[in-house]
N, C-alpha and C. Protein backbone atom coordinates (compact mmCIF):
# COMPACT_ATOMS: atom_id res chain seq x y z
N MET A 1 32.96 -44.38 -0.41
CA MET A 1 32.32 -44.06 -1.55
C MET A 1 32.28 -42.21 -1.55
N LYS A 2 32.79 -41.81 -2.34
CA LYS A 2 32.23 -40.45 -2.29
C LYS A 2 30.94 -40.05 -2.69
N LEU A 3 30.56 -38.61 -1.80
CA LEU A 3 29.03 -38.67 -2.24
C LEU A 3 29.14 -37.30 -3.52
N ARG A 4 28.54 -37.34 -4.34
CA ARG A 4 28.29 -36.37 -5.63
C ARG A 4 27.11 -36.15 -5.55
N ILE A 5 27.07 -34.34 -5.48
CA ILE A 5 25.81 -33.98 -5.63
C ILE A 5 25.87 -33.29 -6.46
N PRO A 6 24.93 -33.51 -7.44
CA PRO A 6 24.34 -32.28 -9.04
C PRO A 6 24.54 -30.94 -8.51
N VAL A 7 25.49 -30.49 -8.71
CA VAL A 7 24.90 -28.94 -8.39
C VAL A 7 24.08 -28.37 -9.08
N LEU A 8 24.21 -28.24 -10.51
CA LEU A 8 23.61 -27.75 -11.65
C LEU A 8 22.08 -27.96 -11.01
N GLY A 9 21.79 -29.95 -10.83
CA GLY A 9 19.85 -29.39 -10.42
C GLY A 9 19.99 -29.30 -9.22
N ILE A 10 20.76 -28.44 -8.21
CA ILE A 10 20.30 -27.66 -7.07
C ILE A 10 20.06 -26.21 -7.66
N VAL A 11 20.72 -25.69 -8.41
CA VAL A 11 20.66 -24.61 -9.01
C VAL A 11 19.54 -24.19 -9.76
N ALA A 12 19.07 -25.28 -10.78
CA ALA A 12 18.05 -25.70 -11.32
C ALA A 12 16.68 -25.54 -10.23
N ALA A 13 16.98 -26.48 -9.84
CA ALA A 13 15.54 -26.45 -8.25
C ALA A 13 15.40 -25.17 -7.77
N CYS A 14 16.27 -24.76 -7.58
CA CYS A 14 16.34 -23.44 -6.47
C CYS A 14 15.85 -22.19 -7.41
N ALA A 15 16.31 -22.00 -8.98
CA ALA A 15 15.90 -21.11 -9.82
C ALA A 15 14.24 -21.75 -10.17
N THR A 16 14.13 -22.92 -10.20
CA THR A 16 12.37 -22.70 -10.46
C THR A 16 11.66 -22.51 -9.21
N PHE A 17 12.15 -22.65 -7.98
CA PHE A 17 11.20 -22.19 -6.92
C PHE A 17 11.13 -20.89 -6.63
N ALA A 18 12.36 -20.40 -7.05
CA ALA A 18 12.27 -18.31 -6.94
C ALA A 18 10.86 -17.83 -8.31
N ALA A 19 11.40 -18.99 -9.10
CA ALA A 19 9.97 -18.51 -10.20
C ALA A 19 8.63 -18.33 -10.45
N ALA A 20 8.40 -19.22 -9.22
CA ALA A 20 7.13 -20.18 -8.91
C ALA A 20 6.09 -19.07 -8.50
N PRO A 21 4.46 -18.69 -8.91
CA PRO A 21 4.08 -17.64 -8.47
C PRO A 21 3.55 -17.64 -6.44
N MET A 22 3.77 -16.58 -6.54
CA MET A 22 3.24 -16.55 -4.98
C MET A 22 2.13 -16.95 -4.53
N ALA A 23 1.70 -17.83 -3.40
CA ALA A 23 0.52 -18.45 -2.98
C ALA A 23 -0.12 -17.30 -1.84
N PHE A 24 0.43 -16.04 -1.58
CA PHE A 24 0.13 -15.14 -0.84
C PHE A 24 0.62 -13.95 -0.93
N ALA A 25 0.37 -12.66 -0.09
CA ALA A 25 0.73 -11.43 -0.35
C ALA A 25 0.78 -10.97 1.21
N GLN A 26 2.01 -10.34 1.33
CA GLN A 26 2.13 -9.83 2.78
C GLN A 26 1.89 -8.03 2.96
N VAL A 27 0.93 -7.69 3.70
CA VAL A 27 0.78 -5.99 3.55
C VAL A 27 0.26 -5.96 5.02
N SER A 28 1.16 -4.98 5.08
CA SER A 28 1.21 -4.10 6.22
C SER A 28 1.02 -2.72 6.23
N PHE A 29 0.41 -2.32 7.50
CA PHE A 29 -0.19 -0.54 7.48
C PHE A 29 0.41 0.26 8.59
N GLN A 30 1.31 1.30 8.09
CA GLN A 30 1.67 1.98 9.22
C GLN A 30 0.93 3.26 9.28
N ASN A 31 1.01 4.05 10.51
CA ASN A 31 -0.03 5.11 10.80
C ASN A 31 0.92 6.33 11.21
N SER A 32 2.10 6.56 10.98
CA SER A 32 2.86 7.14 10.79
C SER A 32 3.66 7.54 9.73
N PHE A 33 4.06 8.52 9.23
CA PHE A 33 4.93 8.89 8.05
C PHE A 33 6.41 8.53 8.36
N ALA A 34 6.66 9.04 9.42
CA ALA A 34 8.30 8.91 9.70
C ALA A 34 8.34 6.81 9.48
N ALA A 35 7.54 5.95 9.95
CA ALA A 35 7.40 4.47 10.20
C ALA A 35 7.77 4.04 8.59
N PHE A 36 6.68 4.53 7.62
CA PHE A 36 6.56 4.52 6.41
C PHE A 36 7.59 5.18 5.75
N GLN A 37 8.29 5.53 5.89
CA GLN A 37 9.73 5.88 5.25
C GLN A 37 10.46 5.36 5.10
N GLY A 38 10.60 4.70 6.35
CA GLY A 38 11.72 3.67 6.67
C GLY A 38 11.41 2.59 6.19
N LEU A 39 10.41 2.34 5.51
CA LEU A 39 10.15 0.63 4.80
C LEU A 39 10.19 0.88 3.45
N ALA A 40 10.25 2.17 2.87
CA ALA A 40 9.76 2.56 1.72
C ALA A 40 10.23 3.46 0.95
N THR A 41 10.62 3.93 -0.21
CA THR A 41 11.31 4.99 -0.83
C THR A 41 10.02 5.61 -2.06
N THR A 42 9.67 6.49 -1.70
CA THR A 42 8.32 7.35 -2.55
C THR A 42 8.79 8.53 -2.95
N THR A 43 7.59 9.15 -3.52
CA THR A 43 7.50 10.36 -4.04
C THR A 43 6.25 10.93 -3.83
N LEU A 44 6.35 11.90 -3.83
CA LEU A 44 4.63 12.78 -3.57
C LEU A 44 4.43 13.04 -4.93
N ARG A 45 3.31 12.59 -5.28
CA ARG A 45 2.38 12.29 -6.57
C ARG A 45 1.39 13.18 -6.80
N ALA A 46 0.08 13.42 -5.93
CA ALA A 46 -0.91 14.25 -5.99
C ALA A 46 -1.04 15.23 -4.81
N ASP A 47 -1.33 16.20 -4.37
CA ASP A 47 -1.38 16.95 -3.16
C ASP A 47 -2.66 18.03 -3.71
N PHE A 48 -3.44 17.96 -4.82
CA PHE A 48 -4.83 19.09 -5.16
C PHE A 48 -4.30 20.05 -5.26
N GLU A 49 -3.14 21.02 -4.61
CA GLU A 49 -2.92 22.45 -4.63
C GLU A 49 -2.95 22.97 -5.95
N GLY A 50 -3.13 22.09 -7.60
CA GLY A 50 -3.21 23.04 -8.16
C GLY A 50 -4.72 23.49 -8.45
N LEU A 51 -5.60 22.73 -7.66
CA LEU A 51 -6.96 23.29 -8.12
C LEU A 51 -6.76 24.60 -7.16
N HIS A 52 -7.45 25.51 -7.41
CA HIS A 52 -7.18 26.50 -7.03
C HIS A 52 -9.30 27.06 -6.43
N THR A 53 -10.28 26.53 -6.69
CA THR A 53 -11.30 26.23 -6.76
C THR A 53 -12.21 25.44 -6.09
N GLU A 54 -12.55 25.57 -4.96
CA GLU A 54 -13.68 24.53 -4.21
C GLU A 54 -15.10 24.09 -5.01
N GLY A 55 -15.13 22.91 -5.20
CA GLY A 55 -16.42 22.22 -5.76
C GLY A 55 -15.93 21.24 -6.45
N GLY A 56 -16.93 20.45 -6.89
CA GLY A 56 -16.80 19.14 -7.82
C GLY A 56 -15.82 19.43 -9.07
N ILE A 57 -15.22 18.13 -9.32
CA ILE A 57 -14.05 17.79 -10.08
C ILE A 57 -14.35 16.73 -10.90
N SER A 58 -13.83 16.71 -12.05
CA SER A 58 -14.00 15.88 -13.16
C SER A 58 -13.99 14.35 -12.43
N ASP A 59 -14.05 13.51 -12.80
CA ASP A 59 -14.80 11.97 -11.68
C ASP A 59 -14.51 10.84 -13.14
N PRO A 60 -13.46 10.30 -13.12
CA PRO A 60 -12.34 10.23 -12.45
C PRO A 60 -11.18 11.62 -12.78
N TYR A 61 -10.61 11.69 -11.93
CA TYR A 61 -9.69 12.45 -11.85
C TYR A 61 -8.18 11.96 -11.83
N THR A 62 -7.10 12.54 -12.36
CA THR A 62 -6.14 11.88 -12.72
C THR A 62 -4.79 12.90 -12.32
N GLU A 63 -3.86 12.79 -11.20
CA GLU A 63 -2.88 13.87 -11.05
C GLU A 63 -1.80 13.00 -10.63
N GLY A 64 -0.49 13.30 -11.32
CA GLY A 64 1.09 12.78 -10.65
C GLY A 64 0.55 10.76 -11.25
N GLY A 65 0.19 10.81 -12.24
CA GLY A 65 -0.02 9.49 -12.58
C GLY A 65 -1.30 8.55 -11.34
N VAL A 66 -1.67 9.33 -10.94
CA VAL A 66 -2.63 8.30 -10.01
C VAL A 66 -4.39 9.21 -10.11
N THR A 67 -5.03 7.97 -10.72
CA THR A 67 -6.50 8.35 -11.01
C THR A 67 -6.94 7.88 -9.80
N PHE A 68 -8.38 9.11 -9.50
CA PHE A 68 -9.04 8.95 -8.26
C PHE A 68 -10.68 8.78 -8.54
N PHE A 69 -11.35 7.73 -8.21
CA PHE A 69 -12.76 7.49 -8.69
C PHE A 69 -13.97 7.49 -7.57
N ASP A 70 -15.01 7.97 -7.65
CA ASP A 70 -15.74 7.77 -6.58
C ASP A 70 -17.53 7.64 -7.64
N PRO A 71 -18.09 6.41 -7.08
CA PRO A 71 -19.42 6.64 -7.69
C PRO A 71 -20.18 7.62 -7.84
N LYS A 72 -20.24 8.41 -7.10
CA LYS A 72 -20.83 9.91 -6.96
C LYS A 72 -20.39 10.92 -7.69
N ASN A 73 -19.46 11.94 -6.74
CA ASN A 73 -18.93 12.74 -7.78
C ASN A 73 -17.38 13.55 -6.70
N LEU A 74 -16.35 13.32 -7.22
CA LEU A 74 -15.23 14.01 -6.42
C LEU A 74 -15.41 15.42 -5.90
N TYR A 75 -14.53 16.26 -4.98
CA TYR A 75 -14.96 17.30 -4.74
C TYR A 75 -13.72 17.55 -4.43
N VAL A 76 -13.17 18.69 -4.30
CA VAL A 76 -12.09 19.27 -3.83
C VAL A 76 -12.14 20.19 -2.60
N ALA A 77 -11.81 20.16 -1.41
CA ALA A 77 -12.25 21.00 -0.01
C ALA A 77 -11.17 22.17 0.14
N LEU A 78 -11.32 23.58 0.15
CA LEU A 78 -10.10 24.44 0.72
C LEU A 78 -9.91 25.00 1.76
N PRO A 79 -8.64 25.04 2.03
CA PRO A 79 -8.67 25.78 3.86
C PRO A 79 -9.64 27.12 3.88
N GLY A 80 -10.51 27.02 4.60
CA GLY A 80 -11.34 28.17 4.92
C GLY A 80 -12.51 28.40 3.94
N GLY A 81 -12.84 27.19 3.11
CA GLY A 81 -13.79 26.94 2.20
C GLY A 81 -15.18 26.99 3.01
N ALA A 82 -16.18 26.17 2.01
CA ALA A 82 -17.79 26.17 2.91
C ALA A 82 -17.41 24.90 3.25
N ALA A 83 -17.09 23.95 3.03
CA ALA A 83 -16.67 22.52 3.43
C ALA A 83 -15.96 22.74 4.54
N ALA A 84 -14.65 22.68 4.63
CA ALA A 84 -14.03 23.19 5.98
C ALA A 84 -14.90 23.83 7.16
N VAL A 85 -15.64 24.89 6.75
CA VAL A 85 -16.32 25.43 7.98
C VAL A 85 -17.08 24.66 8.18
N ASN A 86 -17.95 24.41 7.24
CA ASN A 86 -19.62 23.86 7.79
C ASN A 86 -19.86 22.08 7.89
N ASP A 87 -18.33 21.50 6.93
CA ASP A 87 -18.69 19.91 7.08
C ASP A 87 -17.90 19.13 8.11
N PHE A 88 -16.82 19.58 7.80
CA PHE A 88 -15.56 18.79 8.27
C PHE A 88 -15.23 18.68 9.80
N ASP A 89 -15.21 17.95 10.52
CA ASP A 89 -14.55 17.76 12.21
C ASP A 89 -13.04 17.92 12.15
N ALA A 90 -12.19 17.50 11.54
CA ALA A 90 -11.21 17.93 11.24
C ALA A 90 -10.79 18.78 10.65
N PRO A 91 -9.47 19.46 10.98
CA PRO A 91 -8.63 20.86 10.70
C PRO A 91 -8.63 20.50 9.05
N VAL A 92 -8.73 21.66 8.20
CA VAL A 92 -8.41 21.69 6.98
C VAL A 92 -7.50 22.33 6.38
N THR A 93 -5.88 22.06 6.11
CA THR A 93 -5.13 23.35 6.61
C THR A 93 -4.37 23.07 4.74
N SER A 94 -5.04 22.17 4.18
CA SER A 94 -4.40 22.44 2.95
C SER A 94 -5.64 21.76 1.90
N ASN A 95 -5.42 22.15 0.51
CA ASN A 95 -6.54 21.18 -0.16
C ASN A 95 -6.55 19.79 -0.08
N VAL A 96 -8.00 19.04 0.05
CA VAL A 96 -7.84 17.83 0.19
C VAL A 96 -9.01 17.46 -0.42
N LEU A 97 -8.57 15.86 -0.81
CA LEU A 97 -9.72 15.39 -1.83
C LEU A 97 -10.96 14.82 -1.11
N THR A 98 -12.34 15.07 -1.36
CA THR A 98 -13.77 14.43 -0.44
C THR A 98 -14.70 14.03 -1.50
N VAL A 99 -16.04 13.69 -1.04
CA VAL A 99 -16.81 13.53 -2.07
C VAL A 99 -18.07 13.83 -1.06
N SER A 100 -19.17 14.80 -2.15
CA SER A 100 -20.15 15.20 -1.56
C SER A 100 -21.35 14.13 -1.48
N GLY A 101 -21.51 13.36 -0.19
CA GLY A 101 -21.79 12.25 0.13
C GLY A 101 -20.77 11.15 1.30
N ASN A 102 -21.34 10.17 1.07
CA ASN A 102 -19.81 9.13 1.80
C ASN A 102 -18.97 8.76 1.06
N GLU A 103 -17.96 8.98 1.50
CA GLU A 103 -16.88 8.96 0.74
C GLU A 103 -16.46 7.47 0.14
N ASP A 104 -16.35 7.10 -1.00
CA ASP A 104 -16.23 5.82 -1.50
C ASP A 104 -14.88 6.04 -2.60
N ILE A 105 -13.14 6.57 -2.26
CA ILE A 105 -12.70 7.07 -3.21
C ILE A 105 -11.75 5.65 -3.59
N THR A 106 -11.88 5.63 -4.98
CA THR A 106 -10.41 4.43 -5.18
C THR A 106 -9.07 5.09 -6.15
N MET A 107 -8.36 4.77 -5.60
CA MET A 107 -7.09 4.84 -6.57
C MET A 107 -6.39 4.14 -7.22
N THR A 108 -6.02 4.29 -8.57
CA THR A 108 -5.19 3.44 -9.02
C THR A 108 -3.93 4.36 -9.64
N PHE A 109 -2.88 3.56 -10.38
CA PHE A 109 -1.56 3.54 -10.46
C PHE A 109 -1.40 3.79 -11.42
N ALA A 110 -0.46 4.22 -12.54
CA ALA A 110 -0.01 4.41 -13.88
C ALA A 110 1.49 3.94 -13.36
N GLY A 111 1.64 2.95 -14.37
CA GLY A 111 3.23 2.45 -14.75
C GLY A 111 3.01 1.35 -13.82
N PRO A 112 4.38 0.69 -13.48
CA PRO A 112 4.17 -0.47 -12.74
C PRO A 112 3.97 -0.37 -11.31
N ALA A 113 3.38 -1.49 -10.94
CA ALA A 113 2.25 -1.50 -9.93
C ALA A 113 3.46 -1.23 -8.91
N PRO A 114 2.90 -0.13 -7.91
CA PRO A 114 4.14 0.48 -6.87
C PRO A 114 3.84 -0.90 -5.51
N THR A 115 4.99 -0.95 -4.67
CA THR A 115 4.55 -1.88 -3.33
C THR A 115 4.38 -0.69 -2.35
N ALA A 116 4.45 0.52 -2.27
CA ALA A 116 4.43 1.52 -1.33
C ALA A 116 3.49 2.90 -1.22
N ILE A 117 2.35 2.87 -0.92
CA ILE A 117 1.63 3.85 -1.03
C ILE A 117 1.09 4.53 0.34
N GLY A 118 1.14 6.16 0.01
CA GLY A 118 1.21 6.72 1.50
C GLY A 118 0.27 7.87 1.79
N PHE A 119 -0.63 8.17 2.39
CA PHE A 119 -1.50 9.52 2.17
C PHE A 119 -2.07 10.22 3.39
N THR A 120 -2.29 11.44 3.77
CA THR A 120 -2.75 12.17 4.52
C THR A 120 -4.25 11.63 4.63
N SER A 121 -4.96 11.66 5.96
CA SER A 121 -6.24 10.72 6.04
C SER A 121 -6.89 11.74 7.06
N LEU A 122 -8.20 12.32 6.84
CA LEU A 122 -9.09 13.18 7.60
C LEU A 122 -10.24 12.61 7.91
N THR A 123 -10.55 12.24 9.37
CA THR A 123 -12.04 11.54 9.51
C THR A 123 -12.91 12.41 10.36
N ASN A 124 -14.07 11.68 10.41
CA ASN A 124 -15.17 12.72 10.97
C ASN A 124 -15.34 12.30 12.77
N ARG A 125 -16.33 12.69 12.88
CA ARG A 125 -16.79 12.12 14.69
C ARG A 125 -17.53 11.02 14.47
N PHE A 126 -17.72 10.22 13.12
CA PHE A 126 -18.40 8.67 13.32
C PHE A 126 -17.72 8.20 13.40
N ASN A 127 -17.83 6.57 12.65
CA ASN A 127 -16.99 5.36 12.41
C ASN A 127 -15.74 5.85 11.60
N ALA A 128 -14.85 5.58 11.91
CA ALA A 128 -13.79 5.22 11.26
C ALA A 128 -13.50 4.57 9.84
N PRO A 129 -12.79 5.31 9.15
CA PRO A 129 -12.63 5.12 7.65
C PRO A 129 -12.27 3.44 7.42
N VAL A 130 -12.43 2.80 6.41
CA VAL A 130 -11.97 1.61 6.20
C VAL A 130 -10.80 1.88 4.67
N VAL A 131 -9.79 1.44 4.74
CA VAL A 131 -8.64 1.15 3.60
C VAL A 131 -8.84 -0.62 3.37
N SER A 132 -9.37 -0.13 1.96
CA SER A 132 -9.05 -1.76 1.31
C SER A 132 -7.89 -2.07 0.24
N VAL A 133 -6.67 -2.32 0.15
CA VAL A 133 -5.89 -2.91 -0.76
C VAL A 133 -5.84 -3.65 -1.74
N PHE A 134 -5.99 -3.50 -3.11
CA PHE A 134 -5.92 -4.89 -4.03
C PHE A 134 -4.44 -4.73 -5.01
N ASP A 135 -4.31 -6.09 -5.64
CA ASP A 135 -3.37 -6.58 -6.74
C ASP A 135 -3.67 -6.32 -7.80
N THR A 136 -2.79 -6.31 -8.71
CA THR A 136 -3.25 -5.98 -9.92
C THR A 136 -4.12 -6.30 -10.66
N SER A 137 -4.66 -8.22 -10.13
CA SER A 137 -5.66 -8.69 -10.87
C SER A 137 -6.76 -8.51 -9.72
N SER A 138 -6.75 -7.36 -9.23
CA SER A 138 -8.05 -6.94 -8.26
C SER A 138 -8.70 -7.85 -6.91
N THR A 139 -7.98 -8.77 -6.85
CA THR A 139 -7.90 -9.22 -5.56
C THR A 139 -7.67 -8.53 -3.92
N LEU A 140 -8.19 -8.94 -3.38
CA LEU A 140 -8.22 -7.73 -1.92
C LEU A 140 -7.21 -8.73 -1.18
N ILE A 141 -6.04 -7.91 -1.03
CA ILE A 141 -5.05 -8.51 -0.22
C ILE A 141 -4.56 -7.62 1.03
N GLY A 142 -5.55 -6.45 1.37
CA GLY A 142 -5.34 -6.18 2.77
C GLY A 142 -6.74 -5.04 3.27
N THR A 143 -7.01 -5.24 4.59
CA THR A 143 -7.61 -4.22 5.09
C THR A 143 -7.54 -3.47 6.01
N TYR A 144 -7.67 -2.11 6.63
CA TYR A 144 -7.47 -1.60 7.68
C TYR A 144 -8.76 -0.66 7.67
N VAL A 145 -8.88 -0.59 9.39
CA VAL A 145 -9.47 0.32 10.05
C VAL A 145 -8.91 1.27 10.75
N LEU A 146 -8.98 2.42 10.07
CA LEU A 146 -8.10 3.27 10.96
C LEU A 146 -8.01 3.48 12.14
N MET A 147 -7.10 3.94 13.09
CA MET A 147 -6.71 3.96 14.36
C MET A 147 -6.88 5.12 14.60
N GLN A 148 -6.86 6.45 14.30
CA GLN A 148 -6.61 7.77 14.54
C GLN A 148 -8.08 8.28 14.76
N GLY A 149 -7.96 8.97 15.56
CA GLY A 149 -9.23 9.43 16.55
C GLY A 149 -10.40 9.94 15.74
N PRO A 150 -11.55 9.95 16.17
CA PRO A 150 -12.41 10.72 15.20
C PRO A 150 -12.12 12.30 15.01
N GLY A 151 -12.40 13.47 14.04
CA GLY A 151 -12.30 14.49 13.64
C GLY A 151 -10.60 14.98 14.05
N SER A 152 -10.04 14.08 13.01
CA SER A 152 -8.69 14.41 13.31
C SER A 152 -7.83 14.29 12.00
N VAL A 153 -6.53 14.36 11.87
CA VAL A 153 -5.62 13.98 10.69
C VAL A 153 -4.67 13.35 11.07
N GLY A 154 -4.53 12.42 10.33
CA GLY A 154 -3.60 11.32 10.63
C GLY A 154 -2.67 10.56 9.06
N PHE A 155 -2.59 9.87 8.95
CA PHE A 155 -1.65 9.09 8.36
C PHE A 155 -1.39 7.80 8.15
N VAL A 156 -1.60 7.42 7.00
CA VAL A 156 -2.40 5.76 6.37
C VAL A 156 -0.83 5.63 5.37
N GLY A 157 -0.06 4.55 6.02
CA GLY A 157 1.07 3.85 4.71
C GLY A 157 0.61 2.96 4.81
N ILE A 158 0.65 2.25 3.34
CA ILE A 158 0.89 0.31 2.92
C ILE A 158 1.98 0.08 2.51
N THR A 159 2.04 -0.80 2.68
CA THR A 159 3.56 -1.43 2.25
C THR A 159 3.22 -3.19 1.99
N SER A 160 3.44 -3.66 0.50
CA SER A 160 3.19 -4.66 0.04
C SER A 160 4.29 -5.50 -0.35
N SER A 161 4.00 -7.38 -0.30
CA SER A 161 5.16 -7.80 -0.67
C SER A 161 4.82 -7.88 -2.52
N VAL A 162 3.65 -7.68 -2.90
CA VAL A 162 3.22 -7.61 -4.34
C VAL A 162 2.82 -6.56 -4.80
N GLY A 163 2.62 -6.01 -5.77
CA GLY A 163 2.25 -4.97 -6.56
C GLY A 163 0.75 -4.44 -6.22
N ILE A 164 1.03 -3.18 -6.10
CA ILE A 164 -0.65 -3.25 -5.72
C ILE A 164 -1.18 -2.20 -6.84
N GLY A 165 -2.47 -2.56 -6.93
CA GLY A 165 -3.63 -2.19 -8.11
C GLY A 165 -4.20 -1.15 -7.87
N SER A 166 -4.95 -1.38 -6.67
CA SER A 166 -5.82 0.17 -6.26
C SER A 166 -5.72 -0.03 -4.25
N VAL A 167 -6.50 1.18 -3.94
CA VAL A 167 -6.56 1.61 -2.76
C VAL A 167 -8.00 1.93 -2.96
N ARG A 168 -8.79 1.55 -2.11
CA ARG A 168 -10.18 1.85 -1.50
C ARG A 168 -10.10 2.85 -0.71
N TRP A 169 -10.76 3.87 -0.42
CA TRP A 169 -10.89 4.73 0.64
C TRP A 169 -12.28 4.92 1.16
N LEU A 170 -12.96 3.98 2.07
CA LEU A 170 -14.62 3.96 2.32
C LEU A 170 -14.70 4.62 3.51
N ALA A 171 -16.19 5.90 3.61
CA ALA A 171 -16.76 6.39 5.12
C ALA A 171 -17.94 6.33 4.84
N ASP A 172 -18.58 5.11 5.41
CA ASP A 172 -19.77 5.15 5.09
C ASP A 172 -21.04 5.78 6.48
N ARG A 173 -20.26 6.72 6.98
CA ARG A 173 -21.31 7.39 7.62
C ARG A 173 -21.09 8.90 7.61
N GLY A 174 -21.88 9.58 7.78
CA GLY A 174 -22.00 11.24 7.75
C GLY A 174 -22.86 11.87 6.50
N GLY A 175 -22.33 11.39 5.16
CA GLY A 175 -23.28 11.75 4.53
C GLY A 175 -22.82 12.93 3.53
N ILE A 176 -22.18 13.51 4.01
CA ILE A 176 -21.59 14.86 3.57
C ILE A 176 -19.99 14.86 3.52
N LYS A 177 -19.25 16.44 3.26
CA LYS A 177 -18.18 16.43 2.93
C LYS A 177 -17.27 16.39 4.21
N ASP A 178 -16.79 15.21 4.68
CA ASP A 178 -16.49 15.43 6.19
C ASP A 178 -15.45 14.25 6.58
N THR A 179 -14.71 13.51 5.47
CA THR A 179 -13.46 12.54 5.50
C THR A 179 -12.91 12.89 4.12
N ALA A 180 -11.58 12.76 3.97
CA ALA A 180 -10.94 13.31 2.76
C ALA A 180 -9.50 12.50 2.57
N ILE A 181 -8.73 12.67 1.86
CA ILE A 181 -7.25 12.03 1.89
C ILE A 181 -6.33 13.53 1.11
N ASP A 182 -5.43 13.34 1.07
CA ASP A 182 -4.45 14.36 0.60
C ASP A 182 -2.69 13.94 0.79
N ASN A 183 -2.17 14.05 -0.18
CA ASN A 183 -0.86 14.13 -0.11
C ASN A 183 -0.34 12.59 -0.65
N ILE A 184 -0.59 12.40 -1.44
CA ILE A 184 -0.58 11.04 -2.09
C ILE A 184 0.83 10.33 -1.80
N TYR A 185 1.75 9.25 -1.36
CA TYR A 185 3.23 9.32 -2.07
C TYR A 185 2.44 7.64 -2.50
N VAL A 186 3.81 7.59 -3.99
CA VAL A 186 3.94 6.21 -4.35
C VAL A 186 4.97 5.66 -4.14
N GLY A 187 5.32 4.51 -4.04
CA GLY A 187 7.01 3.72 -4.42
C GLY A 187 7.03 2.75 -4.23
N VAL A 188 7.88 2.16 -3.79
CA VAL A 188 7.95 0.75 -3.55
C VAL A 188 8.95 0.50 -2.43
N THR A 189 8.46 -0.89 -1.75
CA THR A 189 9.02 -0.97 -0.75
C THR A 189 10.38 -1.40 -0.43
N ALA A 190 11.35 -1.35 0.62
CA ALA A 190 12.96 -1.86 0.72
C ALA A 190 12.68 -3.48 1.23
N VAL A 191 11.44 -3.99 1.43
CA VAL A 191 11.74 -5.20 1.96
C VAL A 191 11.65 -6.23 1.32
N PRO A 192 12.55 -6.93 1.17
CA PRO A 192 12.73 -7.84 0.16
C PRO A 192 10.90 -8.99 0.31
N GLU A 193 10.80 -9.56 -1.08
CA GLU A 193 9.15 -10.05 -1.23
C GLU A 193 9.63 -11.69 -0.33
N PRO A 194 8.57 -12.45 -0.01
CA PRO A 194 8.30 -13.54 1.08
C PRO A 194 9.28 -14.50 -0.06
N HIS A 195 9.22 -14.28 -1.31
CA HIS A 195 9.89 -15.78 -2.31
C HIS A 195 11.31 -15.52 -2.05
N THR A 196 12.08 -14.31 -1.62
CA THR A 196 13.43 -14.07 -1.78
C THR A 196 13.99 -14.81 -0.29
N PHE A 197 13.19 -14.79 0.72
CA PHE A 197 13.71 -15.23 1.94
C PHE A 197 13.46 -16.69 1.40
N ALA A 198 12.94 -17.02 1.24
CA ALA A 198 12.58 -18.60 0.89
C ALA A 198 13.37 -18.97 0.22
N LEU A 199 13.57 -18.24 -0.61
CA LEU A 199 15.16 -19.01 -1.61
C LEU A 199 16.23 -18.98 -0.79
N LEU A 200 16.23 -17.81 -0.06
CA LEU A 200 17.64 -18.14 1.13
C LEU A 200 17.74 -19.04 1.38
N LEU A 201 16.41 -19.02 2.51
CA LEU A 201 16.28 -20.39 3.56
C LEU A 201 16.75 -21.63 2.58
N ALA A 202 16.02 -22.24 1.83
CA ALA A 202 16.23 -23.50 0.42
C ALA A 202 17.79 -23.36 0.45
N GLY A 203 18.24 -22.83 -0.20
CA GLY A 203 19.98 -22.10 -0.26
C GLY A 203 20.56 -22.94 0.57
N LEU A 204 20.27 -21.73 1.81
CA LEU A 204 20.82 -22.09 3.63
C LEU A 204 20.59 -24.08 3.67
N GLY A 205 19.45 -24.41 3.45
CA GLY A 205 19.18 -25.61 3.77
C GLY A 205 19.89 -26.78 3.29
N VAL A 206 20.08 -26.39 1.88
CA VAL A 206 21.00 -27.16 0.87
C VAL A 206 22.29 -27.42 1.18
N LEU A 207 23.33 -25.95 1.75
CA LEU A 207 24.36 -26.21 2.15
C LEU A 207 24.66 -26.98 3.13
N GLY A 208 23.24 -26.78 4.17
CA GLY A 208 23.67 -27.58 5.70
C GLY A 208 23.47 -28.99 5.36
N ALA A 209 22.91 -29.46 4.43
CA ALA A 209 22.45 -30.90 4.21
C ALA A 209 24.05 -31.20 3.58
N LEU A 210 24.49 -30.25 2.75
CA LEU A 210 25.85 -30.80 2.22
C LEU A 210 26.97 -31.45 3.36
N THR A 211 26.95 -30.01 4.20
CA THR A 211 28.01 -30.03 5.23
C THR A 211 27.70 -31.13 6.11
N ARG A 212 26.84 -31.56 6.51
CA ARG A 212 26.18 -32.46 7.48
C ARG A 212 26.97 -34.14 6.45
N ARG A 213 26.32 -33.87 5.22
CA ARG A 213 26.94 -35.46 4.63
C ARG A 213 28.00 -35.55 4.35
N ARG A 214 28.94 -34.31 4.03
CA ARG A 214 30.44 -34.70 4.20
C ARG A 214 31.17 -35.24 5.30
N GLY A 215 30.26 -34.21 6.81
CA GLY A 215 31.16 -34.61 7.72
C GLY A 215 30.85 -36.37 7.89
N ARG A 216 30.17 -36.72 7.41
CA ARG A 216 29.41 -38.23 7.76
C ARG A 216 30.49 -39.03 6.84
N GLN A 217 30.34 -38.65 5.68
CA GLN A 217 31.20 -38.93 5.18
C GLN A 217 33.13 -39.43 5.45
N ARG A 218 33.39 -38.33 5.83
CA ARG A 218 34.67 -38.39 6.41
C ARG A 218 34.74 -39.15 7.49
N ALA A 219 33.75 -39.44 8.22
CA ALA A 219 33.93 -40.20 9.54
C ALA A 219 33.66 -41.35 8.83
N ASP A 220 32.94 -41.86 8.45
CA ASP A 220 33.39 -43.30 7.21
C ASP A 220 34.54 -43.58 7.13
N ASP A 221 34.86 -42.64 6.32
CA ASP A 221 36.54 -42.77 5.51
C ASP A 221 37.35 -43.40 6.93
């Protein structure tokens, strides 16, 4: 007796599986620009170089489709300016976004939700800032405590298997303008989403089952 497998049923089952909502998100963090660029295709959206005067700026502030917000007030610090000279532990070599007080900056993004965000990070001499990542429904999907040294300039890269709705930068010690972000890159990852891998594995499993059954059928014949 020949074994007949309804191929359309298999395709339909695979398509249904692929369309099912994801139960989890995979978020990874990179501490070098090179590593981040190897995983994502991005463009520089905001660098604050169009702000020529040091001081408080509109809050929220939008540049390049990225909106920045802090519950207190945003502040742009310039190289050689008062904050760079008196407050920062890290060298300020370009315009950076900070806050008058403990920094609690949230970034949101216009257009389709990105899956890759990267930015330059400046730390103070105290505890490391914390980066939190939220999906488009404001659910926390990843948290990262910076690994770079105190009073230094580094990089934070974020890649996600789902769209990123917002990113929060929190530095809760210092109480002055002494941590900052700069050079905001926004784009998409080159890594397939988990359900793509799952669909591929499901298809391979079906093909393997078909091969084994046909082998047993020939043996029986």
